[in-house]
Amino acid sequence: MRDAILNKSHAAPSRRAPLRSEGDDMADNPIPVLIPRRRVSQICGLERNALYERIARGQFPKPITIGSAAVRWIEAEVVAWVQQQIDASRAQQPARGFRRERA
């Protein structure tokens, strides 16, 4: 009995198909992660109205329609947008804590 417990070969095979296998074309292309609006708001700090206003102005990634009334965003696009905002903000601000030398 103990050997049967330690040897898990008697377990039923998994019903899930593997996401990727060697030699698979998808191995080179990661599967996009789709996230709901609430998660988008948590990541970027924008509430619903501000989010859709920026989408309408072309200033935020557009969602993907996944049903008649359901949309999701590609997580990597949202994270990239946040990083762009950080980079732009830091490029505009002078470094703090440093004084200019007087001529």
PDB file of N, CA and C in Angstrom:
ATOM      1  N   MET A   1       0.819  -1.191   0.000  1.00  0.00           N
ATOM      2  CA  MET A   1       0.000   0.000   0.000  1.00  0.00           C
ATOM      3  C   MET A   1       0.865   1.258   0.000  1.00  0.00           C
ATOM      4  N   ARG A   2       1.883   1.247   0.864  1.00  0.00           N
ATOM      5  CA  ARG A   2       2.766   2.400   0.948  1.00  0.00           C
ATOM      6  C   ARG A   2       3.435   2.671  -0.395  1.00  0.00           C
ATOM      7  N   ASP A   3       3.856   1.603  -1.073  1.00  0.00           N
ATOM      8  CA  ASP A   3       4.483   1.766  -2.386  1.00  0.00           C
ATOM      9  C   ASP A   3       3.506   2.365  -3.394  1.00  0.00           C
ATOM     10  N   ALA A   4       2.255   2.010  -3.298  1.00  0.00           N
ATOM     11  CA  ALA A   4       1.246   2.552  -4.211  1.00  0.00           C
ATOM     12  C   ALA A   4       1.041   4.040  -3.966  1.00  0.00           C
ATOM     13  N   ILE A   5       1.122   4.461  -2.705  1.00  0.00           N
ATOM     14  CA  ILE A   5       0.961   5.883  -2.383  1.00  0.00           C
ATOM     15  C   ILE A   5       2.150   6.679  -2.887  1.00  0.00           C
ATOM     16  N   LEU A   6       3.355   6.138  -2.702  1.00  0.00           N
ATOM     17  CA  LEU A   6       4.547   6.837  -3.150  1.00  0.00           C
ATOM     18  C   LEU A   6       4.678   6.840  -4.662  1.00  0.00           C
ATOM     19  N   ASN A   7       4.228   5.774  -5.307  1.00  0.00           N
ATOM     20  CA  ASN A   7       4.278   5.686  -6.756  1.00  0.00           C
ATOM     21  C   ASN A   7       2.943   6.175  -7.299  1.00  0.00           C
ATOM     22  N   LYS A   8       2.918   7.351  -7.833  1.00  0.00           N
ATOM     23  CA  LYS A   8       1.654   7.953  -8.249  1.00  0.00           C
ATOM     24  C   LYS A   8       1.251   7.545  -9.662  1.00  0.00           C
ATOM     25  N   SER A   9       1.793   6.478 -10.167  1.00  0.00           N
ATOM     26  CA  SER A   9       1.463   6.056 -11.526  1.00  0.00           C
ATOM     27  C   SER A   9       0.027   5.571 -11.640  1.00  0.00           C
ATOM     28  N   HIS A  10      -0.605   5.263 -10.515  1.00  0.00           N
ATOM     29  CA  HIS A  10      -1.984   4.792 -10.562  1.00  0.00           C
ATOM     30  C   HIS A  10      -2.986   5.937 -10.692  1.00  0.00           C
ATOM     31  N   ALA A  11      -2.507   7.158 -10.582  1.00  0.00           N
ATOM     32  CA  ALA A  11      -3.407   8.311 -10.657  1.00  0.00           C
ATOM     33  C   ALA A  11      -3.952   8.457 -12.072  1.00  0.00           C
ATOM     34  N   ALA A  12      -5.157   8.953 -12.172  1.00  0.00           N
ATOM     35  CA  ALA A  12      -5.790   9.162 -13.467  1.00  0.00           C
ATOM     36  C   ALA A  12      -5.057  10.268 -14.218  1.00  0.00           C
ATOM     37  N   PRO A  13      -4.940  10.142 -15.525  1.00  0.00           N
ATOM     38  CA  PRO A  13      -4.260  11.193 -16.281  1.00  0.00           C
ATOM     39  C   PRO A  13      -5.065  12.484 -16.253  1.00  0.00           C
ATOM     40  N   SER A  14      -4.352  13.586 -16.358  1.00  0.00           N
ATOM     41  CA  SER A  14      -4.996  14.893 -16.349  1.00  0.00           C
ATOM     42  C   SER A  14      -5.861  15.048 -17.594  1.00  0.00           C
ATOM     43  N   ARG A  15      -7.007  15.687 -17.445  1.00  0.00           N
ATOM     44  CA  ARG A  15      -7.899  15.911 -18.587  1.00  0.00           C
ATOM     45  C   ARG A  15      -7.552  17.191 -19.328  1.00  0.00           C
ATOM     46  N   ARG A  16      -6.719  18.007 -18.714  1.00  0.00           N
ATOM     47  CA  ARG A  16      -6.326  19.255 -19.361  1.00  0.00           C
ATOM     48  C   ARG A  16      -5.307  18.981 -20.450  1.00  0.00           C
ATOM     49  N   ALA A  17      -5.495  19.652 -21.559  1.00  0.00           N
ATOM     50  CA  ALA A  17      -4.508  19.570 -22.626  1.00  0.00           C
ATOM     51  C   ALA A  17      -3.363  20.512 -22.280  1.00  0.00           C
ATOM     52  N   PRO A  18      -2.142  20.155 -22.610  1.00  0.00           N
ATOM     53  CA  PRO A  18      -1.029  21.062 -22.314  1.00  0.00           C
ATOM     54  C   PRO A  18      -1.169  22.345 -23.120  1.00  0.00           C
ATOM     55  N   LEU A  19      -0.787  23.473 -22.519  1.00  0.00           N
ATOM     56  CA  LEU A  19      -0.868  24.748 -23.220  1.00  0.00           C
ATOM     57  C   LEU A  19       0.152  24.824 -24.343  1.00  0.00           C
ATOM     58  N   ARG A  20       1.310  24.248 -24.101  1.00  0.00           N
ATOM     59  CA  ARG A  20       2.369  24.297 -25.097  1.00  0.00           C
ATOM     60  C   ARG A  20       3.097  22.969 -25.104  1.00  0.00           C
ATOM     61  N   SER A  21       3.657  22.639 -26.231  1.00  0.00           N
ATOM     62  CA  SER A  21       4.508  21.459 -26.321  1.00  0.00           C
ATOM     63  C   SER A  21       5.714  21.823 -27.170  1.00  0.00           C
ATOM     64  N   GLU A  22       6.763  21.029 -27.070  1.00  0.00           N
ATOM     65  CA  GLU A  22       7.960  21.300 -27.851  1.00  0.00           C
ATOM     66  C   GLU A  22       7.629  21.212 -29.334  1.00  0.00           C
ATOM     67  N   GLY A  23       8.179  22.130 -30.090  1.00  0.00           N
ATOM     68  CA  GLY A  23       7.933  22.147 -31.520  1.00  0.00           C
ATOM     69  C   GLY A  23       6.614  22.816 -31.885  1.00  0.00           C
ATOM     70  N   ASP A  24       5.876  23.278 -30.897  1.00  0.00           N
ATOM     71  CA  ASP A  24       4.595  23.928 -31.125  1.00  0.00           C
ATOM     72  C   ASP A  24       4.833  25.368 -31.567  1.00  0.00           C
ATOM     73  N   ASP A  25       4.087  25.838 -32.557  1.00  0.00           N
ATOM     74  CA  ASP A  25       4.227  27.210 -33.032  1.00  0.00           C
ATOM     75  C   ASP A  25       3.893  28.221 -31.944  1.00  0.00           C
ATOM     76  N   MET A  26       2.999  27.871 -31.021  1.00  0.00           N
ATOM     77  CA  MET A  26       2.603  28.800 -29.970  1.00  0.00           C
ATOM     78  C   MET A  26       3.700  29.017 -28.951  1.00  0.00           C
ATOM     79  N   ALA A  27       4.704  28.152 -28.920  1.00  0.00           N
ATOM     80  CA  ALA A  27       5.785  28.295 -27.955  1.00  0.00           C
ATOM     81  C   ALA A  27       6.534  29.601 -28.173  1.00  0.00           C
ATOM     82  N   ASP A  28       6.561  30.080 -29.414  1.00  0.00           N
ATOM     83  CA  ASP A  28       7.238  31.337 -29.711  1.00  0.00           C
ATOM     84  C   ASP A  28       6.372  32.549 -29.406  1.00  0.00           C
ATOM     85  N   ASN A  29       5.071  32.370 -29.341  1.00  0.00           N
ATOM     86  CA  ASN A  29       4.135  33.463 -29.079  1.00  0.00           C
ATOM     87  C   ASN A  29       3.420  33.214 -27.764  1.00  0.00           C
ATOM     88  N   PRO A  30       3.723  34.030 -26.737  1.00  0.00           N
ATOM     89  CA  PRO A  30       3.046  33.810 -25.457  1.00  0.00           C
ATOM     90  C   PRO A  30       1.546  34.066 -25.579  1.00  0.00           C
ATOM     91  N   ILE A  31       0.787  33.350 -24.787  1.00  0.00           N
ATOM     92  CA  ILE A  31      -0.661  33.506 -24.796  1.00  0.00           C
ATOM     93  C   ILE A  31      -1.009  34.801 -24.059  1.00  0.00           C
ATOM     94  N   PRO A  32      -1.756  35.713 -24.690  1.00  0.00           N
ATOM     95  CA  PRO A  32      -2.106  36.965 -24.012  1.00  0.00           C
ATOM     96  C   PRO A  32      -3.042  36.709 -22.830  1.00  0.00           C
ATOM     97  N   VAL A  33      -2.820  37.444 -21.772  1.00  0.00           N
ATOM     98  CA  VAL A  33      -3.674  37.344 -20.594  1.00  0.00           C
ATOM     99  C   VAL A  33      -4.708  38.459 -20.688  1.00  0.00           C
ATOM    100  N   LEU A  34      -5.987  38.087 -20.665  1.00  0.00           N
ATOM    101  CA  LEU A  34      -7.069  39.067 -20.744  1.00  0.00           C
ATOM    102  C   LEU A  34      -7.561  39.379 -19.345  1.00  0.00           C
ATOM    103  N   ILE A  35      -7.711  40.675 -19.055  1.00  0.00           N
ATOM    104  CA  ILE A  35      -8.121  41.096 -17.713  1.00  0.00           C
ATOM    105  C   ILE A  35      -9.357  41.987 -17.786  1.00  0.00           C
ATOM    106  N   PRO A  36     -10.220  41.926 -16.758  1.00  0.00           N
ATOM    107  CA  PRO A  36     -11.430  42.754 -16.738  1.00  0.00           C
ATOM    108  C   PRO A  36     -11.115  44.205 -16.360  1.00  0.00           C
ATOM    109  N   ARG A  37     -12.096  45.077 -16.562  1.00  0.00           N
ATOM    110  CA  ARG A  37     -11.916  46.499 -16.308  1.00  0.00           C
ATOM    111  C   ARG A  37     -11.503  46.793 -14.877  1.00  0.00           C
ATOM    112  N   ARG A  38     -12.056  46.104 -13.919  1.00  0.00           N
ATOM    113  CA  ARG A  38     -11.691  46.376 -12.523  1.00  0.00           C
ATOM    114  C   ARG A  38     -10.211  46.131 -12.281  1.00  0.00           C
ATOM    115  N   ARG A  39      -9.678  45.088 -12.900  1.00  0.00           N
ATOM    116  CA  ARG A  39      -8.245  44.821 -12.755  1.00  0.00           C
ATOM    117  C   ARG A  39      -7.429  45.891 -13.475  1.00  0.00           C
ATOM    118  N   VAL A  40      -7.922  46.347 -14.627  1.00  0.00           N
ATOM    119  CA  VAL A  40      -7.260  47.432 -15.359  1.00  0.00           C
ATOM    120  C   VAL A  40      -7.194  48.672 -14.469  1.00  0.00           C
ATOM    121  N   SER A  41      -8.308  48.987 -13.809  1.00  0.00           N
ATOM    122  CA  SER A  41      -8.351  50.143 -12.918  1.00  0.00           C
ATOM    123  C   SER A  41      -7.368  49.999 -11.762  1.00  0.00           C
ATOM    124  N   GLN A  42      -7.232  48.787 -11.235  1.00  0.00           N
ATOM    125  CA  GLN A  42      -6.266  48.561 -10.154  1.00  0.00           C
ATOM    126  C   GLN A  42      -4.838  48.775 -10.643  1.00  0.00           C
ATOM    127  N   ILE A  43      -4.548  48.347 -11.844  1.00  0.00           N
ATOM    128  CA  ILE A  43      -3.192  48.448 -12.376  1.00  0.00           C
ATOM    129  C   ILE A  43      -2.832  49.893 -12.713  1.00  0.00           C
ATOM    130  N   CYS A  44      -3.741  50.603 -13.382  1.00  0.00           N
ATOM    131  CA  CYS A  44      -3.385  51.932 -13.894  1.00  0.00           C
ATOM    132  C   CYS A  44      -3.903  53.088 -13.046  1.00  0.00           C
ATOM    133  N   GLY A  45      -4.819  52.825 -12.131  1.00  0.00           N
ATOM    134  CA  GLY A  45      -5.309  53.887 -11.262  1.00  0.00           C
ATOM    135  C   GLY A  45      -6.394  54.753 -11.867  1.00  0.00           C
ATOM    136  N   LEU A  46      -6.928  54.372 -13.014  1.00  0.00           N
ATOM    137  CA  LEU A  46      -8.004  55.137 -13.653  1.00  0.00           C
ATOM    138  C   LEU A  46      -9.341  54.454 -13.401  1.00  0.00           C
ATOM    139  N   GLU A  47     -10.324  55.236 -13.039  1.00  0.00           N
ATOM    140  CA  GLU A  47     -11.668  54.683 -12.876  1.00  0.00           C
ATOM    141  C   GLU A  47     -12.336  54.572 -14.238  1.00  0.00           C
ATOM    142  N   ARG A  48     -13.530  53.997 -14.258  1.00  0.00           N
ATOM    143  CA  ARG A  48     -14.234  53.660 -15.491  1.00  0.00           C
ATOM    144  C   ARG A  48     -14.354  54.830 -16.467  1.00  0.00           C
ATOM    145  N   ASN A  49     -14.901  55.962 -16.019  1.00  0.00           N
ATOM    146  CA  ASN A  49     -15.118  57.091 -16.930  1.00  0.00           C
ATOM    147  C   ASN A  49     -13.815  57.627 -17.504  1.00  0.00           C
ATOM    148  N   ALA A  50     -12.813  57.796 -16.662  1.00  0.00           N
ATOM    149  CA  ALA A  50     -11.519  58.305 -17.129  1.00  0.00           C
ATOM    150  C   ALA A  50     -10.892  57.328 -18.119  1.00  0.00           C
ATOM    151  N   LEU A  51     -11.050  56.050 -17.860  1.00  0.00           N
ATOM    152  CA  LEU A  51     -10.509  55.019 -18.730  1.00  0.00           C
ATOM    153  C   LEU A  51     -11.128  55.109 -20.123  1.00  0.00           C
ATOM    154  N   TYR A  52     -12.458  55.152 -20.189  1.00  0.00           N
ATOM    155  CA  TYR A  52     -13.132  55.205 -21.485  1.00  0.00           C
ATOM    156  C   TYR A  52     -12.908  56.538 -22.203  1.00  0.00           C
ATOM    157  N   GLU A  53     -12.726  57.623 -21.466  1.00  0.00           N
ATOM    158  CA  GLU A  53     -12.407  58.914 -22.100  1.00  0.00           C
ATOM    159  C   GLU A  53     -11.046  58.829 -22.792  1.00  0.00           C
ATOM    160  N   ARG A  54     -10.073  58.229 -22.130  1.00  0.00           N
ATOM    161  CA  ARG A  54      -8.740  58.090 -22.730  1.00  0.00           C
ATOM    162  C   ARG A  54      -8.772  57.140 -23.928  1.00  0.00           C
ATOM    163  N   ILE A  55      -9.578  56.112 -23.861  1.00  0.00           N
ATOM    164  CA  ILE A  55      -9.719  55.197 -25.001  1.00  0.00           C
ATOM    165  C   ILE A  55     -10.294  55.957 -26.195  1.00  0.00           C
ATOM    166  N   ALA A  56     -11.311  56.767 -25.954  1.00  0.00           N
ATOM    167  CA  ALA A  56     -11.952  57.535 -27.029  1.00  0.00           C
ATOM    168  C   ALA A  56     -10.967  58.524 -27.666  1.00  0.00           C
ATOM    169  N   ARG A  57     -10.036  59.054 -26.869  1.00  0.00           N
ATOM    170  CA  ARG A  57      -9.037  59.999 -27.388  1.00  0.00           C
ATOM    171  C   ARG A  57      -7.813  59.286 -27.964  1.00  0.00           C
ATOM    172  N   GLY A  58      -7.806  57.955 -27.906  1.00  0.00           N
ATOM    173  CA  GLY A  58      -6.675  57.194 -28.420  1.00  0.00           C
ATOM    174  C   GLY A  58      -5.472  57.217 -27.494  1.00  0.00           C
ATOM    175  N   GLN A  59      -5.705  57.464 -26.210  1.00  0.00           N
ATOM    176  CA  GLN A  59      -4.617  57.591 -25.243  1.00  0.00           C
ATOM    177  C   GLN A  59      -4.503  56.385 -24.301  1.00  0.00           C
ATOM    178  N   PHE A  60      -5.243  55.331 -24.587  1.00  0.00           N
ATOM    179  CA  PHE A  60      -5.197  54.128 -23.761  1.00  0.00           C
ATOM    180  C   PHE A  60      -5.531  52.939 -24.657  1.00  0.00           C
ATOM    181  N   PRO A  61      -4.970  51.770 -24.381  1.00  0.00           N
ATOM    182  CA  PRO A  61      -5.260  50.593 -25.227  1.00  0.00           C
ATOM    183  C   PRO A  61      -6.751  50.251 -25.263  1.00  0.00           C
ATOM    184  N   LYS A  62      -7.219  49.883 -26.445  1.00  0.00           N
ATOM    185  CA  LYS A  62      -8.622  49.509 -26.606  1.00  0.00           C
ATOM    186  C   LYS A  62      -8.861  48.104 -26.060  1.00  0.00           C
ATOM    187  N   PRO A  63     -10.064  47.877 -25.530  1.00  0.00           N
ATOM    188  CA  PRO A  63     -10.380  46.534 -25.044  1.00  0.00           C
ATOM    189  C   PRO A  63     -10.705  45.584 -26.194  1.00  0.00           C
ATOM    190  N   ILE A  64     -10.714  44.301 -25.872  1.00  0.00           N
ATOM    191  CA  ILE A  64     -11.086  43.240 -26.808  1.00  0.00           C
ATOM    192  C   ILE A  64     -12.504  42.804 -26.452  1.00  0.00           C
ATOM    193  N   THR A  65     -13.398  42.749 -27.431  1.00  0.00           N
ATOM    194  CA  THR A  65     -14.754  42.287 -27.178  1.00  0.00           C
ATOM    195  C   THR A  65     -14.757  40.765 -27.133  1.00  0.00           C
ATOM    196  N   ILE A  66     -15.261  40.197 -26.030  1.00  0.00           N
ATOM    197  CA  ILE A  66     -15.292  38.741 -25.916  1.00  0.00           C
ATOM    198  C   ILE A  66     -16.709  38.195 -25.827  1.00  0.00           C
ATOM    199  N   GLY A  67     -17.679  39.064 -25.921  1.00  0.00           N
ATOM    200  CA  GLY A  67     -19.078  38.645 -25.885  1.00  0.00           C
ATOM    201  C   GLY A  67     -19.937  39.829 -26.263  1.00  0.00           C
ATOM    202  N   SER A  68     -21.240  39.661 -26.182  1.00  0.00           N
ATOM    203  CA  SER A  68     -22.129  40.748 -26.585  1.00  0.00           C
ATOM    204  C   SER A  68     -22.007  41.961 -25.673  1.00  0.00           C
ATOM    205  N   ALA A  69     -21.672  41.740 -24.413  1.00  0.00           N
ATOM    206  CA  ALA A  69     -21.555  42.862 -23.483  1.00  0.00           C
ATOM    207  C   ALA A  69     -20.304  42.760 -22.616  1.00  0.00           C
ATOM    208  N   ALA A  70     -19.351  41.950 -23.021  1.00  0.00           N
ATOM    209  CA  ALA A  70     -18.159  41.744 -22.200  1.00  0.00           C
ATOM    210  C   ALA A  70     -16.907  42.149 -22.959  1.00  0.00           C
ATOM    211  N   VAL A  71     -16.039  42.884 -22.291  1.00  0.00           N
ATOM    212  CA  VAL A  71     -14.756  43.266 -22.871  1.00  0.00           C
ATOM    213  C   VAL A  71     -13.646  42.935 -21.885  1.00  0.00           C
ATOM    214  N   ARG A  72     -12.456  42.745 -22.414  1.00  0.00           N
ATOM    215  CA  ARG A  72     -11.263  42.510 -21.605  1.00  0.00           C
ATOM    216  C   ARG A  72     -10.110  43.242 -22.263  1.00  0.00           C
ATOM    217  N   TRP A  73      -9.103  43.539 -21.478  1.00  0.00           N
ATOM    218  CA  TRP A  73      -7.894  44.186 -21.970  1.00  0.00           C
ATOM    219  C   TRP A  73      -6.766  43.184 -21.953  1.00  0.00           C
ATOM    220  N   ILE A  74      -5.807  43.390 -22.848  1.00  0.00           N
ATOM    221  CA  ILE A  74      -4.606  42.570 -22.845  1.00  0.00           C
ATOM    222  C   ILE A  74      -3.683  43.143 -21.774  1.00  0.00           C
ATOM    223  N   GLU A  75      -3.382  42.310 -20.791  1.00  0.00           N
ATOM    224  CA  GLU A  75      -2.621  42.769 -19.627  1.00  0.00           C
ATOM    225  C   GLU A  75      -1.290  43.409 -20.023  1.00  0.00           C
ATOM    226  N   ALA A  76      -0.581  42.821 -20.956  1.00  0.00           N
ATOM    227  CA  ALA A  76       0.722  43.347 -21.370  1.00  0.00           C
ATOM    228  C   ALA A  76       0.608  44.755 -21.942  1.00  0.00           C
ATOM    229  N   GLU A  77      -0.495  45.043 -22.655  1.00  0.00           N
ATOM    230  CA  GLU A  77      -0.695  46.392 -23.202  1.00  0.00           C
ATOM    231  C   GLU A  77      -0.949  47.403 -22.093  1.00  0.00           C
ATOM    232  N   VAL A  78      -1.706  47.009 -21.088  1.00  0.00           N
ATOM    233  CA  VAL A  78      -1.996  47.901 -19.960  1.00  0.00           C
ATOM    234  C   VAL A  78      -0.721  48.188 -19.177  1.00  0.00           C
ATOM    235  N   VAL A  79       0.051  47.148 -18.911  1.00  0.00           N
ATOM    236  CA  VAL A  79       1.303  47.315 -18.175  1.00  0.00           C
ATOM    237  C   VAL A  79       2.276  48.181 -18.975  1.00  0.00           C
ATOM    238  N   ALA A  80       2.332  47.996 -20.293  1.00  0.00           N
ATOM    239  CA  ALA A  80       3.192  48.820 -21.140  1.00  0.00           C
ATOM    240  C   ALA A  80       2.757  50.278 -21.097  1.00  0.00           C
ATOM    241  N   TRP A  81       1.448  50.529 -21.089  1.00  0.00           N
ATOM    242  CA  TRP A  81       0.941  51.897 -20.995  1.00  0.00           C
ATOM    243  C   TRP A  81       1.376  52.540 -19.679  1.00  0.00           C
ATOM    244  N   VAL A  82       1.257  51.805 -18.589  1.00  0.00           N
ATOM    245  CA  VAL A  82       1.679  52.326 -17.278  1.00  0.00           C
ATOM    246  C   VAL A  82       3.166  52.664 -17.322  1.00  0.00           C
ATOM    247  N   GLN A  83       3.970  51.787 -17.895  1.00  0.00           N
ATOM    248  CA  GLN A  83       5.411  52.050 -17.971  1.00  0.00           C
ATOM    249  C   GLN A  83       5.702  53.284 -18.814  1.00  0.00           C
ATOM    250  N   GLN A  84       4.942  53.489 -19.901  1.00  0.00           N
ATOM    251  CA  GLN A  84       5.105  54.693 -20.719  1.00  0.00           C
ATOM    252  C   GLN A  84       4.805  55.948 -19.910  1.00  0.00           C
ATOM    253  N   GLN A  85       3.768  55.886 -19.070  1.00  0.00           N
ATOM    254  CA  GLN A  85       3.417  57.038 -18.235  1.00  0.00           C
ATOM    255  C   GLN A  85       4.534  57.336 -17.244  1.00  0.00           C
ATOM    256  N   ILE A  86       5.099  56.291 -16.664  1.00  0.00           N
ATOM    257  CA  ILE A  86       6.201  56.464 -15.715  1.00  0.00           C
ATOM    258  C   ILE A  86       7.402  57.082 -16.418  1.00  0.00           C
ATOM    259  N   ASP A  87       7.762  56.544 -17.588  1.00  0.00           N
ATOM    260  CA  ASP A  87       8.915  57.048 -18.331  1.00  0.00           C
ATOM    261  C   ASP A  87       8.723  58.516 -18.727  1.00  0.00           C
ATOM    262  N   ALA A  88       7.527  58.852 -19.219  1.00  0.00           N
ATOM    263  CA  ALA A  88       7.247  60.231 -19.627  1.00  0.00           C
ATOM    264  C   ALA A  88       7.294  61.176 -18.434  1.00  0.00           C
ATOM    265  N   SER A  89       6.776  60.742 -17.317  1.00  0.00           N
ATOM    266  CA  SER A  89       6.768  61.578 -16.115  1.00  0.00           C
ATOM    267  C   SER A  89       8.183  61.849 -15.619  1.00  0.00           C
ATOM    268  N   ARG A  90       9.003  60.818 -15.623  1.00  0.00           N
ATOM    269  CA  ARG A  90      10.373  60.973 -15.133  1.00  0.00           C
ATOM    270  C   ARG A  90      11.236  61.773 -16.092  1.00  0.00           C
ATOM    271  N   ALA A  91      10.943  61.733 -17.378  1.00  0.00           N
ATOM    272  CA  ALA A  91      11.713  62.491 -18.364  1.00  0.00           C
ATOM    273  C   ALA A  91      11.451  63.985 -18.225  1.00  0.00           C
ATOM    274  N   GLN A  92      10.253  64.344 -17.747  1.00  0.00           N
ATOM    275  CA  GLN A  92       9.881  65.752 -17.615  1.00  0.00           C
ATOM    276  C   GLN A  92      10.346  66.365 -16.306  1.00  0.00           C
ATOM    277  N   GLN A  93      10.558  65.561 -15.281  1.00  0.00           N
ATOM    278  CA  GLN A  93      10.902  66.067 -13.962  1.00  0.00           C
ATOM    279  C   GLN A  93      12.403  66.084 -13.768  1.00  0.00           C
ATOM    280  N   PRO A  94      12.942  67.207 -13.289  1.00  0.00           N
ATOM    281  CA  PRO A  94      14.369  67.201 -12.950  1.00  0.00           C
ATOM    282  C   PRO A  94      14.594  66.329 -11.722  1.00  0.00           C
ATOM    283  N   ALA A  95      15.775  65.795 -11.614  1.00  0.00           N
ATOM    284  CA  ALA A  95      16.100  64.956 -10.458  1.00  0.00           C
ATOM    285  C   ALA A  95      16.035  65.796  -9.194  1.00  0.00           C
ATOM    286  N   ARG A  96      15.408  65.274  -8.172  1.00  0.00           N
ATOM    287  CA  ARG A  96      15.288  66.002  -6.912  1.00  0.00           C
ATOM    288  C   ARG A  96      16.477  65.712  -6.016  1.00  0.00           C
ATOM    289  N   GLY A  97      16.781  66.663  -5.180  1.00  0.00           N
ATOM    290  CA  GLY A  97      17.861  66.463  -4.223  1.00  0.00           C
ATOM    291  C   GLY A  97      19.214  66.941  -4.732  1.00  0.00           C
ATOM    292  N   PHE A  98      19.252  67.370  -5.978  1.00  0.00           N
ATOM    293  CA  PHE A  98      20.501  67.872  -6.534  1.00  0.00           C
ATOM    294  C   PHE A  98      20.357  69.366  -6.780  1.00  0.00           C
ATOM    295  N   ARG A  99      21.374  70.101  -6.431  1.00  0.00           N
ATOM    296  CA  ARG A  99      21.382  71.549  -6.685  1.00  0.00           C
ATOM    297  C   ARG A  99      22.279  71.832  -7.885  1.00  0.00           C
ATOM    298  N   ARG A 100      21.841  72.786  -8.633  1.00  0.00           N
ATOM    299  CA  ARG A 100      22.688  73.218  -9.755  1.00  0.00           C
ATOM    300  C   ARG A 100      23.881  73.977  -9.213  1.00  0.00           C
ATOM    301  N   GLU A 101      24.994  73.802  -9.878  1.00  0.00           N
ATOM    302  CA  GLU A 101      26.166  74.570  -9.488  1.00  0.00           C
ATOM    303  C   GLU A 101      26.008  75.982 -10.030  1.00  0.00           C
ATOM    304  N   ARG A 102      26.402  76.930  -9.235  1.00  0.00           N
ATOM    305  CA  ARG A 102      26.330  78.336  -9.675  1.00  0.00           C
ATOM    306  C   ARG A 102      27.565  78.689 -10.484  1.00  0.00           C
ATOM    307  N   ALA A 103      27.355  79.442 -11.507  1.00  0.00           N
ATOM    308  CA  ALA A 103      28.477  79.832 -12.368  1.00  0.00           C
ATOM    309  C   ALA A 103      29.198  81.040 -11.828  1.00  0.00           C
TER     310      ALA A 103
END
